[in-house]
């Protein structure tokens, strides 16, 4: 029998957090291990309990939920997240997606909707646990991580397909062009890592790079999608 999925509930509203906790605790296969009502408390609770799932509000009194998530991703934590929030603007939804959020519930939502997301998460985690520890072929890798055909070429050592997809999507969200530092900040990764992925996109024809000369110092490299490419 698989162990319960450990859950941390993050919401600045104590009443909402308690309601969500009761609902999740009553769901088979889940155990709530902590509640947090600020971003800093959320980071501490996640570090202490190492949950498999976080129900994460976006609006928090100190660090926003997306900032919490950026710090987790920068630290290499790929915990599953269900965003449960009143935030419904396009930019927030896009940023959440780029940070690996696959489930997004807009408040107010029904218990049935949350239950559906919990069932999806449990099925996904169970599949990961049951998957044989064997080498996957390219088609299987693409199915698991959802990489588009343009990214299927062999990657240089040290680059991951998941991070490449995130950087590519981050670049697509830019209205014009962006530096490696700007992409890094939006995705919660280091500037050096972002630049490596951007240079790979340039090398494979998915992106273009051009220098921008300022008033002094070295020119800044700016990356963009080629004209006509999304």
Protein backbone atom coordinates (compact mmCIF):
# COMPACT_ATOMS: atom_id res chain seq x y z
CA UNK A 1 0.00 0.00 0.00
CA UNK A 2 1.40 3.37 -1.01
CA UNK A 3 2.08 5.89 1.79
CA UNK A 4 -0.16 8.93 2.06
CA UNK A 5 0.88 12.04 0.19
CA UNK A 6 2.04 14.65 2.70
CA UNK A 7 0.49 18.08 2.20
CA UNK A 8 1.30 21.60 3.36
CA UNK A 9 -1.59 24.10 3.22
CA UNK A 10 -0.56 27.72 2.54
CA UNK A 11 -3.21 30.43 2.80
CA UNK A 12 -3.24 33.82 4.51
CA UNK A 13 -6.90 33.33 5.49
CA UNK A 14 -6.97 31.12 8.59
CA UNK A 15 -10.58 30.06 8.01
CA UNK A 16 -9.93 29.04 4.40
CA UNK A 17 -6.79 27.16 5.44
CA UNK A 18 -8.76 25.21 8.06
CA UNK A 19 -11.51 24.34 5.58
CA UNK A 20 -8.97 23.17 2.98
CA UNK A 21 -7.11 21.19 5.63
CA UNK A 22 -10.27 19.37 6.70
CA UNK A 23 -11.15 18.59 3.09
CA UNK A 24 -7.70 17.28 2.19
CA UNK A 25 -7.38 15.25 5.39
CA UNK A 26 -10.69 13.58 4.59
CA UNK A 27 -9.51 12.62 1.11
CA UNK A 28 -8.10 9.07 0.90
CA UNK A 29 -4.37 8.99 0.29
CA UNK A 30 -3.59 12.42 1.78
CA UNK A 31 -2.33 13.68 5.13
CA UNK A 32 -1.92 17.36 5.97
CA UNK A 33 1.33 17.84 7.89
CA UNK A 34 1.33 21.64 8.31
CA UNK A 35 -0.46 24.93 7.72
CA UNK A 36 1.27 28.20 6.91
CA UNK A 37 -0.18 31.68 6.60
CA UNK A 38 2.82 33.66 5.32
CA UNK A 39 5.41 33.07 2.64
CA UNK A 40 8.28 32.74 5.10
CA UNK A 41 6.32 30.24 7.21
CA UNK A 42 5.49 28.31 4.05
CA UNK A 43 9.17 27.95 3.14
CA UNK A 44 9.98 26.82 6.70
CA UNK A 45 7.15 24.28 6.75
CA UNK A 46 8.09 22.85 3.36
CA UNK A 47 11.74 22.55 4.39
CA UNK A 48 10.77 20.84 7.65
CA UNK A 49 8.17 18.39 6.31
CA UNK A 50 9.26 17.75 2.69
CA UNK A 51 5.68 17.36 1.42
CA UNK A 52 4.63 15.77 -1.83
CA UNK A 53 2.04 18.48 -2.43
CA UNK A 54 1.54 22.14 -1.52
CA UNK A 55 -1.79 23.95 -1.73
CA UNK A 56 -0.42 27.42 -2.37
CA UNK A 57 -2.19 30.77 -2.22
CA UNK A 58 -0.71 33.53 -4.38
CA UNK A 59 -1.64 36.46 -2.15
CA UNK A 60 0.40 36.28 1.07
CA UNK A 61 1.31 39.12 3.47
CA UNK A 62 5.08 38.95 3.01
CA UNK A 63 6.42 36.84 0.16
CA UNK A 64 3.88 36.23 -2.57
CA UNK A 65 3.06 32.66 -3.47
CA UNK A 66 4.94 32.90 -6.75
CA UNK A 67 8.01 34.19 -4.90
CA UNK A 68 7.76 31.21 -2.57
CA UNK A 69 7.61 28.94 -5.58
CA UNK A 70 10.59 30.64 -7.28
CA UNK A 71 12.70 30.05 -4.17
CA UNK A 72 11.65 26.40 -4.05
CA UNK A 73 12.51 25.86 -7.72
CA UNK A 74 15.82 27.69 -7.36
CA UNK A 75 16.67 25.32 -4.51
CA UNK A 76 15.85 22.31 -6.71
CA UNK A 77 12.55 21.45 -5.01
CA UNK A 78 10.09 20.10 -7.60
CA UNK A 79 7.20 19.58 -5.17
CA UNK A 80 3.78 19.33 -6.81
CA UNK A 81 1.71 22.48 -6.35
CA UNK A 82 -1.99 23.25 -6.60
CA UNK A 83 -2.48 27.02 -6.76
CA UNK A 84 -5.60 27.96 -4.79
CA UNK A 85 -6.07 31.68 -5.17
CA UNK A 86 -8.25 34.61 -6.14
CA UNK A 87 -5.56 35.74 -8.61
CA UNK A 88 -6.92 35.30 -12.11
CA UNK A 89 -4.92 37.77 -14.20
CA UNK A 90 -3.13 36.38 -17.24
CA UNK A 91 0.37 37.28 -16.06
CA UNK A 92 -0.03 35.43 -12.76
CA UNK A 93 -1.42 32.34 -14.48
CA UNK A 94 1.43 32.36 -16.99
CA UNK A 95 4.07 32.78 -14.31
CA UNK A 96 2.56 29.95 -12.30
CA UNK A 97 2.68 27.70 -15.35
CA UNK A 98 6.31 28.59 -16.04
CA UNK A 99 7.14 27.65 -12.44
CA UNK A 100 5.68 24.19 -12.92
CA UNK A 101 2.14 24.65 -11.59
CA UNK A 102 -0.13 22.21 -13.42
CA UNK A 103 -3.25 22.70 -11.29
CA UNK A 104 -4.78 26.14 -10.72
CA UNK A 105 -8.02 26.71 -8.79
CA UNK A 106 -9.59 30.17 -8.73
CA UNK A 107 -11.38 31.10 -5.51
CA UNK A 108 -14.13 30.51 -4.72
CA UNK A 109 -14.04 26.91 -5.90
CA UNK A 110 -16.10 23.87 -5.00
CA UNK A 111 -14.99 20.89 -2.97
CA UNK A 112 -15.63 18.78 -6.06
CA UNK A 113 -13.15 20.84 -8.08
CA UNK A 114 -10.47 20.49 -5.41
CA UNK A 115 -11.21 16.78 -5.17
CA UNK A 116 -10.68 16.37 -8.91
CA UNK A 117 -7.28 18.07 -8.69
CA UNK A 118 -6.28 15.95 -5.71
CA UNK A 119 -7.24 12.80 -7.60
CA UNK A 120 -5.16 13.93 -10.59
CA UNK A 121 -2.16 14.62 -8.38
CA UNK A 122 -2.48 11.26 -6.62
CA UNK A 123 -2.66 9.39 -9.93
CA UNK A 124 0.40 11.23 -11.22
CA UNK A 125 2.47 10.59 -8.09
CA UNK A 126 1.37 6.93 -8.00
CA UNK A 127 2.42 6.52 -11.62
CA UNK A 128 5.83 8.02 -10.85
CA UNK A 129 6.30 5.68 -7.90
CA UNK A 130 5.28 2.64 -9.92
CA UNK A 131 7.32 3.48 -13.00
CA UNK A 132 10.18 1.04 -13.58
CA UNK A 133 13.62 2.55 -13.04
CA UNK A 134 14.70 1.88 -16.58
CA UNK A 135 16.07 4.03 -19.35
CA UNK A 136 13.33 5.68 -21.39
CA UNK A 137 13.41 6.18 -25.13
CA UNK A 138 12.87 9.64 -26.56
CA UNK A 139 9.15 9.16 -27.18
CA UNK A 140 8.56 8.08 -23.59
CA UNK A 141 10.57 11.04 -22.28
CA UNK A 142 8.49 13.44 -24.41
CA UNK A 143 5.26 11.94 -23.06
CA UNK A 144 6.38 12.28 -19.45
CA UNK A 145 7.57 15.88 -19.59
CA UNK A 146 5.46 17.25 -22.42
CA UNK A 147 8.39 18.55 -24.46
CA UNK A 148 7.42 19.92 -27.84
CA UNK A 149 9.03 18.49 -31.00
CA UNK A 150 11.30 21.52 -31.39
CA UNK A 151 13.14 20.50 -28.20
CA UNK A 152 13.68 16.82 -29.00
CA UNK A 153 17.26 17.15 -30.17
CA UNK A 154 19.89 15.68 -27.87
CA UNK A 155 20.81 18.09 -25.12
CA UNK A 156 24.34 18.98 -24.09
CA UNK A 157 25.55 17.49 -20.83
CA UNK A 158 24.16 19.32 -17.81
CA UNK A 159 20.99 20.60 -19.49
CA UNK A 160 17.57 19.15 -18.69
CA UNK A 161 14.61 19.00 -21.05
CA UNK A 162 12.24 20.28 -18.36
CA UNK A 163 14.31 23.39 -17.67
CA UNK A 164 14.82 23.95 -21.39
CA UNK A 165 11.05 23.91 -21.85
CA UNK A 166 10.62 26.44 -19.05
CA UNK A 167 13.24 28.80 -20.51
CA UNK A 168 11.75 28.47 -23.98
CA UNK A 169 8.27 29.27 -22.69
CA UNK A 170 9.65 32.13 -20.61
CA UNK A 171 11.21 33.63 -23.71
CA UNK A 172 7.92 33.22 -25.58
CA UNK A 173 6.16 35.28 -22.92
CA UNK A 174 8.43 38.28 -23.57
CA UNK A 175 6.83 41.00 -25.67
CA UNK A 176 10.15 41.91 -27.34
CA UNK A 177 13.49 40.52 -26.19
CA UNK A 178 15.09 39.64 -22.85
CA UNK A 179 18.47 39.21 -21.26
CA UNK A 180 19.60 36.05 -19.50
CA UNK A 181 19.29 37.90 -16.19
CA UNK A 182 15.67 38.84 -16.89
CA UNK A 183 14.74 35.29 -17.87
CA UNK A 184 16.54 33.94 -14.81
CA UNK A 185 14.65 36.26 -12.47
CA UNK A 186 11.26 35.39 -13.95
CA UNK A 187 11.89 31.64 -13.65
CA UNK A 188 13.74 31.55 -10.34
CA UNK A 189 16.99 30.13 -11.70
CA UNK A 190 20.56 31.38 -11.87
CA UNK A 191 21.65 33.76 -14.62
CA UNK A 192 24.40 31.35 -15.70
CA UNK A 193 21.92 28.48 -16.10
CA UNK A 194 19.45 30.65 -17.99
CA UNK A 195 22.18 31.81 -20.36
CA UNK A 196 23.23 28.20 -21.10
CA UNK A 197 19.67 27.26 -22.05
CA UNK A 198 19.22 30.41 -24.11
CA UNK A 199 22.44 29.75 -25.98
CA UNK A 200 21.22 26.21 -26.72
CA UNK A 201 17.97 27.64 -28.10
CA UNK A 202 20.04 29.94 -30.30
CA UNK A 203 22.22 27.04 -31.47
CA UNK A 204 19.14 25.01 -32.45
CA UNK A 205 17.46 27.91 -34.26
CA UNK A 206 14.67 28.34 -31.73
CA UNK A 207 15.92 31.76 -30.58
CA UNK A 208 18.04 34.64 -31.83
CA UNK A 209 20.59 36.74 -29.97
CA UNK A 210 21.83 40.24 -30.63
CA UNK A 211 24.01 42.61 -28.57
CA UNK A 212 22.60 45.81 -27.15
CA UNK A 213 25.20 48.52 -26.62
CA UNK A 214 24.81 50.83 -23.65
CA UNK A 215 26.65 53.96 -22.70
CA UNK A 216 29.59 52.06 -21.20
CA UNK A 217 30.93 48.60 -20.61
CA UNK A 218 30.37 45.37 -22.49
CA UNK A 219 27.27 44.97 -24.67
CA UNK A 220 24.35 43.01 -23.20
CA UNK A 221 23.13 39.99 -25.13
CA UNK A 222 19.38 40.11 -25.79
CA UNK A 223 17.43 37.00 -26.78
CA UNK A 224 14.18 36.73 -28.67
CA UNK A 225 12.07 34.37 -30.73
CA UNK A 226 12.75 34.55 -34.48
CA UNK A 227 10.09 36.48 -36.37
CA UNK A 228 7.10 34.31 -37.07
CA UNK A 229 7.81 31.80 -34.31
CA UNK A 230 5.73 31.54 -31.14
